[in-house]
Amino acid sequence: MQKLPPEDLNERGIIRWMRFLGGKNREEFEDMAKKDEYIEEAYNELKKLSHDEQMRMEYELRQKAIRDHNSEKKGEKRGEKRGERLALKKIIDKLTGDGRTIEEIAELLGLEPEMVEEISKME
């Protein structure tokens, strides 16, 4: 695709491109393509890409890999947080067993008493 001409760098031109990129269905794309030669060129490229089975499969695999990676990272963070809380629970249980109050434990650990109580109730 060619670079945008200077006259399309104004607000109206940019808004047209934003509408094109946010298009929801084929009719919207076709209507926009009829009104602007550069959008028509972009639309034709999109049609070519969507018709090429191999390219579409590669795109879908890349998107899946990105989603899987992001999901894995979120899972790791949740696991780390749970592990930290379980370790704190062991400490809290030990200190409670030694006769310490929730307030004393909170002060020792630098936590709010509500947090200490919440962690102590974990299974």
PDB file of N, CA and C in Angstrom:
ATOM      1  N   MET A   1       0.835  -1.194   0.000  1.00  0.00           N
ATOM      2  CA  MET A   1       0.000   0.000   0.000  1.00  0.00           C
ATOM      3  C   MET A   1       0.869   1.243   0.000  1.00  0.00           C
ATOM      4  N   GLN A   2       0.372   2.257  -0.652  1.00  0.00           N
ATOM      5  CA  GLN A   2       1.094   3.518  -0.673  1.00  0.00           C
ATOM      6  C   GLN A   2       0.887   4.237   0.649  1.00  0.00           C
ATOM      7  N   LYS A   3       1.805   5.174   0.922  1.00  0.00           N
ATOM      8  CA  LYS A   3       1.637   6.000   2.119  1.00  0.00           C
ATOM      9  C   LYS A   3       0.462   6.940   1.907  1.00  0.00           C
ATOM     10  N   LEU A   4      -0.123   7.352   3.008  1.00  0.00           N
ATOM     11  CA  LEU A   4      -1.244   8.292   2.921  1.00  0.00           C
ATOM     12  C   LEU A   4      -0.774   9.608   2.328  1.00  0.00           C
ATOM     13  N   PRO A   5      -1.579  10.190   1.431  1.00  0.00           N
ATOM     14  CA  PRO A   5      -1.213  11.502   0.899  1.00  0.00           C
ATOM     15  C   PRO A   5      -1.430  12.566   1.985  1.00  0.00           C
ATOM     16  N   PRO A   6      -0.748  13.706   1.863  1.00  0.00           N
ATOM     17  CA  PRO A   6      -0.856  14.759   2.883  1.00  0.00           C
ATOM     18  C   PRO A   6      -2.299  15.190   3.159  1.00  0.00           C
ATOM     19  N   GLU A   7      -3.148  15.223   2.122  1.00  0.00           N
ATOM     20  CA  GLU A   7      -4.521  15.679   2.348  1.00  0.00           C
ATOM     21  C   GLU A   7      -5.331  14.716   3.209  1.00  0.00           C
ATOM     22  N   ASP A   8      -4.881  13.459   3.355  1.00  0.00           N
ATOM     23  CA  ASP A   8      -5.584  12.505   4.215  1.00  0.00           C
ATOM     24  C   ASP A   8      -5.048  12.503   5.640  1.00  0.00           C
ATOM     25  N   LEU A   9      -4.082  13.351   5.931  1.00  0.00           N
ATOM     26  CA  LEU A   9      -3.533  13.409   7.279  1.00  0.00           C
ATOM     27  C   LEU A   9      -4.295  14.381   8.165  1.00  0.00           C
ATOM     28  N   ASN A  10      -5.336  15.001   7.618  1.00  0.00           N
ATOM     29  CA  ASN A  10      -6.151  15.878   8.457  1.00  0.00           C
ATOM     30  C   ASN A  10      -7.093  15.033   9.299  1.00  0.00           C
ATOM     31  N   GLU A  11      -7.828  15.696  10.163  1.00  0.00           N
ATOM     32  CA  GLU A  11      -8.694  14.967  11.099  1.00  0.00           C
ATOM     33  C   GLU A  11      -9.736  14.133  10.371  1.00  0.00           C
ATOM     34  N   ARG A  12     -10.316  14.669   9.312  1.00  0.00           N
ATOM     35  CA  ARG A  12     -11.336  13.906   8.586  1.00  0.00           C
ATOM     36  C   ARG A  12     -10.739  12.637   7.986  1.00  0.00           C
ATOM     37  N   GLY A  13      -9.545  12.745   7.428  1.00  0.00           N
ATOM     38  CA  GLY A  13      -8.902  11.574   6.824  1.00  0.00           C
ATOM     39  C   GLY A  13      -8.584  10.514   7.864  1.00  0.00           C
ATOM     40  N   ILE A  14      -8.089  10.951   8.991  1.00  0.00           N
ATOM     41  CA  ILE A  14      -7.750  10.020  10.066  1.00  0.00           C
ATOM     42  C   ILE A  14      -9.001   9.344  10.604  1.00  0.00           C
ATOM     43  N   ILE A  15     -10.075  10.110  10.734  1.00  0.00           N
ATOM     44  CA  ILE A  15     -11.329   9.530  11.224  1.00  0.00           C
ATOM     45  C   ILE A  15     -11.851   8.493  10.244  1.00  0.00           C
ATOM     46  N   ARG A  16     -11.712   8.768   8.944  1.00  0.00           N
ATOM     47  CA  ARG A  16     -12.116   7.768   7.929  1.00  0.00           C
ATOM     48  C   ARG A  16     -11.353   6.472   8.126  1.00  0.00           C
ATOM     49  N   TRP A  17     -10.048   6.568   8.368  1.00  0.00           N
ATOM     50  CA  TRP A  17      -9.229   5.371   8.566  1.00  0.00           C
ATOM     51  C   TRP A  17      -9.614   4.657   9.856  1.00  0.00           C
ATOM     52  N   MET A  18      -9.926   5.434  10.879  1.00  0.00           N
ATOM     53  CA  MET A  18     -10.348   4.813  12.134  1.00  0.00           C
ATOM     54  C   MET A  18     -11.653   4.040  11.925  1.00  0.00           C
ATOM     55  N   ARG A  19     -12.567   4.630  11.169  1.00  0.00           N
ATOM     56  CA  ARG A  19     -13.825   3.931  10.883  1.00  0.00           C
ATOM     57  C   ARG A  19     -13.562   2.669  10.075  1.00  0.00           C
ATOM     58  N   PHE A  20     -12.644   2.761   9.121  1.00  0.00           N
ATOM     59  CA  PHE A  20     -12.314   1.591   8.304  1.00  0.00           C
ATOM     60  C   PHE A  20     -11.735   0.477   9.180  1.00  0.00           C
ATOM     61  N   LEU A  21     -10.799   0.833  10.025  1.00  0.00           N
ATOM     62  CA  LEU A  21     -10.165  -0.178  10.874  1.00  0.00           C
ATOM     63  C   LEU A  21     -11.138  -0.768  11.889  1.00  0.00           C
ATOM     64  N   GLY A  22     -12.173  -0.026  12.225  1.00  0.00           N
ATOM     65  CA  GLY A  22     -13.161  -0.532  13.172  1.00  0.00           C
ATOM     66  C   GLY A  22     -14.379  -1.141  12.491  1.00  0.00           C
ATOM     67  N   GLY A  23     -14.305  -1.332  11.170  1.00  0.00           N
ATOM     68  CA  GLY A  23     -15.441  -1.866  10.421  1.00  0.00           C
ATOM     69  C   GLY A  23     -15.911  -3.206  10.956  1.00  0.00           C
ATOM     70  N   LYS A  24     -17.224  -3.401  10.923  1.00  0.00           N
ATOM     71  CA  LYS A  24     -17.817  -4.602  11.507  1.00  0.00           C
ATOM     72  C   LYS A  24     -18.228  -5.645  10.472  1.00  0.00           C
ATOM     73  N   ASN A  25     -18.543  -5.197   9.261  1.00  0.00           N
ATOM     74  CA  ASN A  25     -19.001  -6.171   8.271  1.00  0.00           C
ATOM     75  C   ASN A  25     -18.561  -5.763   6.873  1.00  0.00           C
ATOM     76  N   ARG A  26     -18.789  -6.656   5.927  1.00  0.00           N
ATOM     77  CA  ARG A  26     -18.330  -6.453   4.553  1.00  0.00           C
ATOM     78  C   ARG A  26     -18.962  -5.213   3.930  1.00  0.00           C
ATOM     79  N   GLU A  27     -20.266  -4.980   4.203  1.00  0.00           N
ATOM     80  CA  GLU A  27     -20.929  -3.824   3.589  1.00  0.00           C
ATOM     81  C   GLU A  27     -20.270  -2.509   4.004  1.00  0.00           C
ATOM     82  N   GLU A  28     -19.914  -2.412   5.297  1.00  0.00           N
ATOM     83  CA  GLU A  28     -19.241  -1.190   5.772  1.00  0.00           C
ATOM     84  C   GLU A  28     -17.925  -0.988   5.034  1.00  0.00           C
ATOM     85  N   PHE A  29     -17.143  -2.062   4.896  1.00  0.00           N
ATOM     86  CA  PHE A  29     -15.856  -1.961   4.206  1.00  0.00           C
ATOM     87  C   PHE A  29     -16.065  -1.539   2.750  1.00  0.00           C
ATOM     88  N   GLU A  30     -17.041  -2.150   2.094  1.00  0.00           N
ATOM     89  CA  GLU A  30     -17.278  -1.838   0.680  1.00  0.00           C
ATOM     90  C   GLU A  30     -17.740  -0.402   0.501  1.00  0.00           C
ATOM     91  N   ASP A  31     -18.614   0.084   1.387  1.00  0.00           N
ATOM     92  CA  ASP A  31     -19.076   1.471   1.297  1.00  0.00           C
ATOM     93  C   ASP A  31     -17.907   2.443   1.456  1.00  0.00           C
ATOM     94  N   MET A  32     -17.057   2.171   2.427  1.00  0.00           N
ATOM     95  CA  MET A  32     -15.910   3.059   2.648  1.00  0.00           C
ATOM     96  C   MET A  32     -14.938   2.991   1.478  1.00  0.00           C
ATOM     97  N   ALA A  33     -14.757   1.793   0.912  1.00  0.00           N
ATOM     98  CA  ALA A  33     -13.831   1.619  -0.204  1.00  0.00           C
ATOM     99  C   ALA A  33     -14.302   2.400  -1.433  1.00  0.00           C
ATOM    100  N   LYS A  34     -15.610   2.516  -1.622  1.00  0.00           N
ATOM    101  CA  LYS A  34     -16.143   3.253  -2.772  1.00  0.00           C
ATOM    102  C   LYS A  34     -15.856   4.751  -2.671  1.00  0.00           C
ATOM    103  N   LYS A  35     -15.677   5.249  -1.461  1.00  0.00           N
ATOM    104  CA  LYS A  35     -15.519   6.680  -1.242  1.00  0.00           C
ATOM    105  C   LYS A  35     -14.069   7.145  -1.222  1.00  0.00           C
ATOM    106  N   ASP A  36     -13.120   6.208  -1.140  1.00  0.00           N
ATOM    107  CA  ASP A  36     -11.715   6.607  -0.992  1.00  0.00           C
ATOM    108  C   ASP A  36     -10.815   5.567  -1.650  1.00  0.00           C
ATOM    109  N   GLU A  37      -9.979   6.029  -2.585  1.00  0.00           N
ATOM    110  CA  GLU A  37      -9.143   5.082  -3.335  1.00  0.00           C
ATOM    111  C   GLU A  37      -8.117   4.368  -2.444  1.00  0.00           C
ATOM    112  N   TYR A  38      -7.626   5.054  -1.410  1.00  0.00           N
ATOM    113  CA  TYR A  38      -6.631   4.438  -0.536  1.00  0.00           C
ATOM    114  C   TYR A  38      -7.283   3.393   0.372  1.00  0.00           C
ATOM    115  N   ILE A  39      -8.478   3.697   0.827  1.00  0.00           N
ATOM    116  CA  ILE A  39      -9.209   2.714   1.624  1.00  0.00           C
ATOM    117  C   ILE A  39      -9.583   1.527   0.742  1.00  0.00           C
ATOM    118  N   GLU A  40      -9.914   1.811  -0.517  1.00  0.00           N
ATOM    119  CA  GLU A  40     -10.223   0.717  -1.447  1.00  0.00           C
ATOM    120  C   GLU A  40      -9.015  -0.202  -1.617  1.00  0.00           C
ATOM    121  N   GLU A  41      -7.843   0.397  -1.721  1.00  0.00           N
ATOM    122  CA  GLU A  41      -6.615  -0.392  -1.856  1.00  0.00           C
ATOM    123  C   GLU A  41      -6.388  -1.260  -0.608  1.00  0.00           C
ATOM    124  N   ALA A  42      -6.598  -0.669   0.575  1.00  0.00           N
ATOM    125  CA  ALA A  42      -6.444  -1.422   1.828  1.00  0.00           C
ATOM    126  C   ALA A  42      -7.478  -2.541   1.901  1.00  0.00           C
ATOM    127  N   TYR A  43      -8.711  -2.244   1.494  1.00  0.00           N
ATOM    128  CA  TYR A  43      -9.774  -3.253   1.519  1.00  0.00           C
ATOM    129  C   TYR A  43      -9.441  -4.410   0.580  1.00  0.00           C
ATOM    130  N   ASN A  44      -8.922  -4.097  -0.599  1.00  0.00           N
ATOM    131  CA  ASN A  44      -8.540  -5.162  -1.545  1.00  0.00           C
ATOM    132  C   ASN A  44      -7.439  -6.041  -0.974  1.00  0.00           C
ATOM    133  N   GLU A  45      -6.489  -5.437  -0.259  1.00  0.00           N
ATOM    134  CA  GLU A  45      -5.434  -6.220   0.393  1.00  0.00           C
ATOM    135  C   GLU A  45      -6.021  -7.147   1.456  1.00  0.00           C
ATOM    136  N   LEU A  46      -6.959  -6.609   2.233  1.00  0.00           N
ATOM    137  CA  LEU A  46      -7.607  -7.437   3.254  1.00  0.00           C
ATOM    138  C   LEU A  46      -8.358  -8.604   2.625  1.00  0.00           C
ATOM    139  N   LYS A  47      -9.022  -8.348   1.513  1.00  0.00           N
ATOM    140  CA  LYS A  47      -9.741  -9.434   0.835  1.00  0.00           C
ATOM    141  C   LYS A  47      -8.768 -10.506   0.365  1.00  0.00           C
ATOM    142  N   LYS A  48      -7.631 -10.075  -0.202  1.00  0.00           N
ATOM    143  CA  LYS A  48      -6.631 -11.053  -0.654  1.00  0.00           C
ATOM    144  C   LYS A  48      -6.147 -11.905   0.506  1.00  0.00           C
ATOM    145  N   LEU A  49      -5.846 -11.239   1.627  1.00  0.00           N
ATOM    146  CA  LEU A  49      -5.352 -11.967   2.792  1.00  0.00           C
ATOM    147  C   LEU A  49      -6.389 -12.953   3.314  1.00  0.00           C
ATOM    148  N   SER A  50      -7.630 -12.550   3.332  1.00  0.00           N
ATOM    149  CA  SER A  50      -8.654 -13.431   3.888  1.00  0.00           C
ATOM    150  C   SER A  50      -8.952 -14.605   2.967  1.00  0.00           C
ATOM    151  N   HIS A  51      -8.645 -14.461   1.689  1.00  0.00           N
ATOM    152  CA  HIS A  51      -8.884 -15.565   0.755  1.00  0.00           C
ATOM    153  C   HIS A  51      -7.720 -16.554   0.727  1.00  0.00           C
ATOM    154  N   ASP A  52      -6.576 -16.124   1.178  1.00  0.00           N
ATOM    155  CA  ASP A  52      -5.408 -17.006   1.166  1.00  0.00           C
ATOM    156  C   ASP A  52      -5.441 -17.868   2.426  1.00  0.00           C
ATOM    157  N   GLU A  53      -5.824 -19.123   2.276  1.00  0.00           N
ATOM    158  CA  GLU A  53      -6.011 -20.043   3.401  1.00  0.00           C
ATOM    159  C   GLU A  53      -4.758 -20.168   4.266  1.00  0.00           C
ATOM    160  N   GLN A  54      -3.613 -20.305   3.645  1.00  0.00           N
ATOM    161  CA  GLN A  54      -2.367 -20.471   4.388  1.00  0.00           C
ATOM    162  C   GLN A  54      -2.063 -19.246   5.242  1.00  0.00           C
ATOM    163  N   MET A  55      -2.234 -18.046   4.667  1.00  0.00           N
ATOM    164  CA  MET A  55      -1.966 -16.816   5.421  1.00  0.00           C
ATOM    165  C   MET A  55      -2.953 -16.671   6.567  1.00  0.00           C
ATOM    166  N   ARG A  56      -4.216 -17.017   6.331  1.00  0.00           N
ATOM    167  CA  ARG A  56      -5.218 -16.901   7.376  1.00  0.00           C
ATOM    168  C   ARG A  56      -4.907 -17.871   8.512  1.00  0.00           C
ATOM    169  N   MET A  57      -4.498 -19.081   8.170  1.00  0.00           N
ATOM    170  CA  MET A  57      -4.143 -20.058   9.204  1.00  0.00           C
ATOM    171  C   MET A  57      -2.946 -19.577  10.015  1.00  0.00           C
ATOM    172  N   GLU A  58      -1.933 -19.016   9.345  1.00  0.00           N
ATOM    173  CA  GLU A  58      -0.765 -18.496  10.050  1.00  0.00           C
ATOM    174  C   GLU A  58      -1.166 -17.365  10.990  1.00  0.00           C
ATOM    175  N   TYR A  59      -2.037 -16.481  10.518  1.00  0.00           N
ATOM    176  CA  TYR A  59      -2.510 -15.379  11.351  1.00  0.00           C
ATOM    177  C   TYR A  59      -3.233 -15.926  12.581  1.00  0.00           C
ATOM    178  N   GLU A  60      -4.141 -16.876  12.369  1.00  0.00           N
ATOM    179  CA  GLU A  60      -4.902 -17.439  13.485  1.00  0.00           C
ATOM    180  C   GLU A  60      -3.988 -18.147  14.479  1.00  0.00           C
ATOM    181  N   LEU A  61      -2.955 -18.830  13.983  1.00  0.00           N
ATOM    182  CA  LEU A  61      -2.000 -19.488  14.879  1.00  0.00           C
ATOM    183  C   LEU A  61      -1.212 -18.472  15.695  1.00  0.00           C
ATOM    184  N   ARG A  62      -0.820 -17.367  15.061  1.00  0.00           N
ATOM    185  CA  ARG A  62      -0.107 -16.304  15.794  1.00  0.00           C
ATOM    186  C   ARG A  62      -1.000 -15.726  16.879  1.00  0.00           C
ATOM    187  N   GLN A  63      -2.256 -15.466  16.535  1.00  0.00           N
ATOM    188  CA  GLN A  63      -3.185 -14.915  17.521  1.00  0.00           C
ATOM    189  C   GLN A  63      -3.393 -15.895  18.672  1.00  0.00           C
ATOM    190  N   LYS A  64      -3.530 -17.176  18.376  1.00  0.00           N
ATOM    191  CA  LYS A  64      -3.707 -18.190  19.413  1.00  0.00           C
ATOM    192  C   LYS A  64      -2.477 -18.249  20.316  1.00  0.00           C
ATOM    193  N   ALA A  65      -1.288 -18.193  19.714  1.00  0.00           N
ATOM    194  CA  ALA A  65      -0.050 -18.220  20.500  1.00  0.00           C
ATOM    195  C   ALA A  65       0.020 -17.024  21.442  1.00  0.00           C
ATOM    196  N   ILE A  66      -0.393 -15.866  20.960  1.00  0.00           N
ATOM    197  CA  ILE A  66      -0.390 -14.662  21.804  1.00  0.00           C
ATOM    198  C   ILE A  66      -1.370 -14.835  22.957  1.00  0.00           C
ATOM    199  N   ARG A  67      -2.586 -15.318  22.664  1.00  0.00           N
ATOM    200  CA  ARG A  67      -3.577 -15.518  23.728  1.00  0.00           C
ATOM    201  C   ARG A  67      -3.090 -16.554  24.737  1.00  0.00           C
ATOM    202  N   ASP A  68      -2.503 -17.656  24.244  1.00  0.00           N
ATOM    203  CA  ASP A  68      -1.996 -18.694  25.147  1.00  0.00           C
ATOM    204  C   ASP A  68      -0.894 -18.151  26.048  1.00  0.00           C
ATOM    205  N   HIS A  69      -0.003 -17.379  25.470  1.00  0.00           N
ATOM    206  CA  HIS A  69       1.104 -16.799  26.238  1.00  0.00           C
ATOM    207  C   HIS A  69       0.562 -15.886  27.342  1.00  0.00           C
ATOM    208  N   ASN A  70      -0.376 -15.019  26.964  1.00  0.00           N
ATOM    209  CA  ASN A  70      -0.951 -14.094  27.951  1.00  0.00           C
ATOM    210  C   ASN A  70      -1.683 -14.852  29.048  1.00  0.00           C
ATOM    211  N   SER A  71      -2.404 -15.883  28.671  1.00  0.00           N
ATOM    212  CA  SER A  71      -3.134 -16.683  29.652  1.00  0.00           C
ATOM    213  C   SER A  71      -2.166 -17.398  30.598  1.00  0.00           C
ATOM    214  N   GLU A  72      -1.094 -17.916  30.044  1.00  0.00           N
ATOM    215  CA  GLU A  72      -0.085 -18.612  30.856  1.00  0.00           C
ATOM    216  C   GLU A  72       0.537 -17.664  31.874  1.00  0.00           C
ATOM    217  N   LYS A  73       0.848 -16.448  31.436  1.00  0.00           N
ATOM    218  CA  LYS A  73       1.444 -15.458  32.340  1.00  0.00           C
ATOM    219  C   LYS A  73       0.490 -15.113  33.477  1.00  0.00           C
ATOM    220  N   LYS A  74      -0.807 -14.961  33.153  1.00  0.00           N
ATOM    221  CA  LYS A  74      -1.791 -14.659  34.195  1.00  0.00           C
ATOM    222  C   LYS A  74      -1.879 -15.809  35.184  1.00  0.00           C
ATOM    223  N   GLY A  75      -1.856 -17.037  34.663  1.00  0.00           N
ATOM    224  CA  GLY A  75      -1.916 -18.206  35.529  1.00  0.00           C
ATOM    225  C   GLY A  75      -0.709 -18.296  36.447  1.00  0.00           C
ATOM    226  N   GLU A  76       0.462 -17.978  35.895  1.00  0.00           N
ATOM    227  CA  GLU A  76       1.684 -17.994  36.710  1.00  0.00           C
ATOM    228  C   GLU A  76       1.583 -16.978  37.845  1.00  0.00           C
ATOM    229  N   LYS A  77       1.100 -15.789  37.522  1.00  0.00           N
ATOM    230  CA  LYS A  77       0.990 -14.752  38.560  1.00  0.00           C
ATOM    231  C   LYS A  77       0.001 -15.166  39.638  1.00  0.00           C
ATOM    232  N   ARG A  78      -1.139 -15.758  39.230  1.00  0.00           N
ATOM    233  CA  ARG A  78      -2.114 -16.226  40.231  1.00  0.00           C
ATOM    234  C   ARG A  78      -1.485 -17.315  41.098  1.00  0.00           C
ATOM    235  N   GLY A  79      -0.717 -18.215  40.477  1.00  0.00           N
ATOM    236  CA  GLY A  79      -0.062 -19.278  41.231  1.00  0.00           C
ATOM    237  C   GLY A  79       0.973 -18.745  42.198  1.00  0.00           C
ATOM    238  N   GLU A  80       1.742 -17.759  41.740  1.00  0.00           N
ATOM    239  CA  GLU A  80       2.747 -17.158  42.621  1.00  0.00           C
ATOM    240  C   GLU A  80       2.075 -16.484  43.824  1.00  0.00           C
ATOM    241  N   LYS A  81       1.002 -15.753  43.542  1.00  0.00           N
ATOM    242  CA  LYS A  81       0.298 -15.058  44.623  1.00  0.00           C
ATOM    243  C   LYS A  81      -0.261 -16.070  45.620  1.00  0.00           C
ATOM    244  N   ARG A  82      -0.848 -17.153  45.124  1.00  0.00           N
ATOM    245  CA  ARG A  82      -1.391 -18.180  46.012  1.00  0.00           C
ATOM    246  C   ARG A  82      -0.269 -18.820  46.829  1.00  0.00           C
ATOM    247  N   GLY A  83       0.862 -19.088  46.201  1.00  0.00           N
ATOM    248  CA  GLY A  83       2.000 -19.661  46.915  1.00  0.00           C
ATOM    249  C   GLY A  83       2.495 -18.769  48.030  1.00  0.00           C
ATOM    250  N   GLU A  84       2.558 -17.466  47.736  1.00  0.00           N
ATOM    251  CA  GLU A  84       2.984 -16.508  48.766  1.00  0.00           C
ATOM    252  C   GLU A  84       2.000 -16.503  49.939  1.00  0.00           C
ATOM    253  N   ARG A  85       0.719 -16.537  49.621  1.00  0.00           N
ATOM    254  CA  ARG A  85      -0.295 -16.515  50.679  1.00  0.00           C
ATOM    255  C   ARG A  85      -0.256 -17.804  51.506  1.00  0.00           C
ATOM    256  N   LEU A  86       0.007 -18.935  50.855  1.00  0.00           N
ATOM    257  CA  LEU A  86       0.099 -20.198  51.597  1.00  0.00           C
ATOM    258  C   LEU A  86       1.310 -20.191  52.533  1.00  0.00           C
ATOM    259  N   ALA A  87       2.409 -19.600  52.062  1.00  0.00           N
ATOM    260  CA  ALA A  87       3.594 -19.502  52.916  1.00  0.00           C
ATOM    261  C   ALA A  87       3.298 -18.602  54.124  1.00  0.00           C
ATOM    262  N   LEU A  88       2.609 -17.493  53.866  1.00  0.00           N
ATOM    263  CA  LEU A  88       2.217 -16.608  54.968  1.00  0.00           C
ATOM    264  C   LEU A  88       1.280 -17.327  55.927  1.00  0.00           C
ATOM    265  N   LYS A  89       0.384 -18.156  55.394  1.00  0.00           N
ATOM    266  CA  LYS A  89      -0.549 -18.891  56.246  1.00  0.00           C
ATOM    267  C   LYS A  89       0.208 -19.799  57.211  1.00  0.00           C
ATOM    268  N   LYS A  90       1.244 -20.461  56.715  1.00  0.00           N
ATOM    269  CA  LYS A  90       2.038 -21.336  57.595  1.00  0.00           C
ATOM    270  C   LYS A  90       2.663 -20.530  58.725  1.00  0.00           C
ATOM    271  N   ILE A  91       3.181 -19.370  58.390  1.00  0.00           N
ATOM    272  CA  ILE A  91       3.796 -18.506  59.402  1.00  0.00           C
ATOM    273  C   ILE A  91       2.740 -18.043  60.399  1.00  0.00           C
ATOM    274  N   ILE A  92       1.589 -17.618  59.877  1.00  0.00           N
ATOM    275  CA  ILE A  92       0.495 -17.142  60.743  1.00  0.00           C
ATOM    276  C   ILE A  92       0.017 -18.270  61.650  1.00  0.00           C
ATOM    277  N   ASP A  93      -0.150 -19.471  61.089  1.00  0.00           N
ATOM    278  CA  ASP A  93      -0.585 -20.618  61.904  1.00  0.00           C
ATOM    279  C   ASP A  93       0.415 -20.903  63.025  1.00  0.00           C
ATOM    280  N   LYS A  94       1.693 -20.831  62.712  1.00  0.00           N
ATOM    281  CA  LYS A  94       2.733 -21.089  63.711  1.00  0.00           C
ATOM    282  C   LYS A  94       2.676 -20.042  64.825  1.00  0.00           C
ATOM    283  N   LEU A  95       2.567 -18.761  64.411  1.00  0.00           N
ATOM    284  CA  LEU A  95       2.527 -17.688  65.406  1.00  0.00           C
ATOM    285  C   LEU A  95       1.248 -17.750  66.242  1.00  0.00           C
ATOM    286  N   THR A  96       0.141 -18.122  65.618  1.00  0.00           N
ATOM    287  CA  THR A  96      -1.114 -18.286  66.354  1.00  0.00           C
ATOM    288  C   THR A  96      -0.978 -19.427  67.352  1.00  0.00           C
ATOM    289  N   GLY A  97      -0.335 -20.500  66.930  1.00  0.00           N
ATOM    290  CA  GLY A  97      -0.108 -21.636  67.808  1.00  0.00           C
ATOM    291  C   GLY A  97       0.786 -21.283  68.987  1.00  0.00           C
ATOM    292  N   ASP A  98       1.638 -20.296  68.786  1.00  0.00           N
ATOM    293  CA  ASP A  98       2.515 -19.836  69.873  1.00  0.00           C
ATOM    294  C   ASP A  98       1.799 -18.852  70.799  1.00  0.00           C
ATOM    295  N   GLY A  99       0.520 -18.588  70.544  1.00  0.00           N
ATOM    296  CA  GLY A  99      -0.253 -17.720  71.424  1.00  0.00           C
ATOM    297  C   GLY A  99      -0.290 -16.264  71.021  1.00  0.00           C
ATOM    298  N   ARG A 100       0.185 -15.917  69.836  1.00  0.00           N
ATOM    299  CA  ARG A 100       0.163 -14.514  69.390  1.00  0.00           C
ATOM    300  C   ARG A 100      -1.242 -14.140  68.924  1.00  0.00           C
ATOM    301  N   THR A 101      -1.599 -12.888  69.110  1.00  0.00           N
ATOM    302  CA  THR A 101      -2.899 -12.390  68.649  1.00  0.00           C
ATOM    303  C   THR A 101      -2.782 -11.965  67.187  1.00  0.00           C
ATOM    304  N   ILE A 102      -3.933 -11.808  66.543  1.00  0.00           N
ATOM    305  CA  ILE A 102      -3.968 -11.353  65.148  1.00  0.00           C
ATOM    306  C   ILE A 102      -3.265 -10.007  65.023  1.00  0.00           C
ATOM    307  N   GLU A 103      -3.491  -9.118  65.964  1.00  0.00           N
ATOM    308  CA  GLU A 103      -2.878  -7.789  65.918  1.00  0.00           C
ATOM    309  C   GLU A 103      -1.355  -7.882  66.030  1.00  0.00           C
ATOM    310  N   GLU A 104      -0.862  -8.748  66.918  1.00  0.00           N
ATOM    311  CA  GLU A 104       0.591  -8.918  67.068  1.00  0.00           C
ATOM    312  C   GLU A 104       1.192  -9.496  65.788  1.00  0.00           C
ATOM    313  N   ILE A 105       0.518 -10.474  65.242  1.00  0.00           N
ATOM    314  CA  ILE A 105       1.017 -11.101  64.005  1.00  0.00           C
ATOM    315  C   ILE A 105       1.034 -10.070  62.872  1.00  0.00           C
ATOM    316  N   ALA A 106      -0.034  -9.283  62.777  1.00  0.00           N
ATOM    317  CA  ALA A 106      -0.118  -8.252  61.738  1.00  0.00           C
ATOM    318  C   ALA A 106       1.039  -7.277  61.866  1.00  0.00           C
ATOM    319  N   GLU A 107       1.333  -6.867  63.081  1.00  0.00           N
ATOM    320  CA  GLU A 107       2.429  -5.928  63.304  1.00  0.00           C
ATOM    321  C   GLU A 107       3.772  -6.566  62.929  1.00  0.00           C
ATOM    322  N   LEU A 108       3.965  -7.823  63.328  1.00  0.00           N
ATOM    323  CA  LEU A 108       5.209  -8.524  63.001  1.00  0.00           C
ATOM    324  C   LEU A 108       5.416  -8.661  61.492  1.00  0.00           C
ATOM    325  N   LEU A 109       4.334  -8.961  60.782  1.00  0.00           N
ATOM    326  CA  LEU A 109       4.429  -9.203  59.338  1.00  0.00           C
ATOM    327  C   LEU A 109       4.247  -7.955  58.487  1.00  0.00           C
ATOM    328  N   GLY A 110       3.869  -6.856  59.127  1.00  0.00           N
ATOM    329  CA  GLY A 110       3.655  -5.622  58.370  1.00  0.00           C
ATOM    330  C   GLY A 110       2.392  -5.674  57.525  1.00  0.00           C
ATOM    331  N   LEU A 111       1.374  -6.368  58.022  1.00  0.00           N
ATOM    332  CA  LEU A 111       0.109  -6.495  57.310  1.00  0.00           C
ATOM    333  C   LEU A 111      -1.015  -5.893  58.134  1.00  0.00           C
ATOM    334  N   GLU A 112      -2.143  -5.672  57.477  1.00  0.00           N
ATOM    335  CA  GLU A 112      -3.344  -5.245  58.179  1.00  0.00           C
ATOM    336  C   GLU A 112      -3.940  -6.452  58.893  1.00  0.00           C
ATOM    337  N   PRO A 113      -4.512  -6.270  60.079  1.00  0.00           N
ATOM    338  CA  PRO A 113      -5.117  -7.385  60.797  1.00  0.00           C
ATOM    339  C   PRO A 113      -6.171  -8.136  59.964  1.00  0.00           C
ATOM    340  N   GLU A 114      -6.934  -7.398  59.146  1.00  0.00           N
ATOM    341  CA  GLU A 114      -7.943  -8.042  58.301  1.00  0.00           C
ATOM    342  C   GLU A 114      -7.302  -9.014  57.319  1.00  0.00           C
ATOM    343  N   MET A 115      -6.146  -8.620  56.776  1.00  0.00           N
ATOM    344  CA  MET A 115      -5.433  -9.480  55.826  1.00  0.00           C
ATOM    345  C   MET A 115      -4.927 -10.734  56.529  1.00  0.00           C
ATOM    346  N   VAL A 116      -4.386 -10.570  57.725  1.00  0.00           N
ATOM    347  CA  VAL A 116      -3.891 -11.715  58.495  1.00  0.00           C
ATOM    348  C   VAL A 116      -5.047 -12.690  58.759  1.00  0.00           C
ATOM    349  N   GLU A 117      -6.182 -12.144  59.146  1.00  0.00           N
ATOM    350  CA  GLU A 117      -7.347 -12.980  59.428  1.00  0.00           C
ATOM    351  C   GLU A 117      -7.808 -13.713  58.169  1.00  0.00           C
ATOM    352  N   GLU A 118      -7.851 -12.985  57.062  1.00  0.00           N
ATOM    353  CA  GLU A 118      -8.267 -13.586  55.788  1.00  0.00           C
ATOM    354  C   GLU A 118      -7.335 -14.731  55.391  1.00  0.00           C
ATOM    355  N   ILE A 119      -6.025 -14.496  55.489  1.00  0.00           N
ATOM    356  CA  ILE A 119      -5.051 -15.522  55.121  1.00  0.00           C
ATOM    357  C   ILE A 119      -5.148 -16.718  56.066  1.00  0.00           C
ATOM    358  N   SER A 120      -5.380 -16.459  57.342  1.00  0.00           N
ATOM    359  CA  SER A 120      -5.450 -17.557  58.310  1.00  0.00           C
ATOM    360  C   SER A 120      -6.634 -18.485  58.040  1.00  0.00           C
ATOM    361  N   LYS A 121      -7.657 -17.982  57.350  1.00  0.00           N
ATOM    362  CA  LYS A 121      -8.842 -18.790  57.058  1.00  0.00           C
ATOM    363  C   LYS A 121      -8.717 -19.579  55.756  1.00  0.00           C
ATOM    364  N   MET A 122      -7.603 -19.380  55.033  1.00  0.00           N
ATOM    365  CA  MET A 122      -7.401 -20.096  53.763  1.00  0.00           C
ATOM    366  C   MET A 122      -7.280 -21.587  54.000  1.00  0.00           C
ATOM    367  N   GLU A 123      -7.658 -22.333  52.986  1.00  0.00           N
ATOM    368  CA  GLU A 123      -7.508 -23.793  53.060  1.00  0.00           C
ATOM    369  C   GLU A 123      -6.369 -24.235  52.192  1.00  0.00           C
TER     370      GLU A 123
END
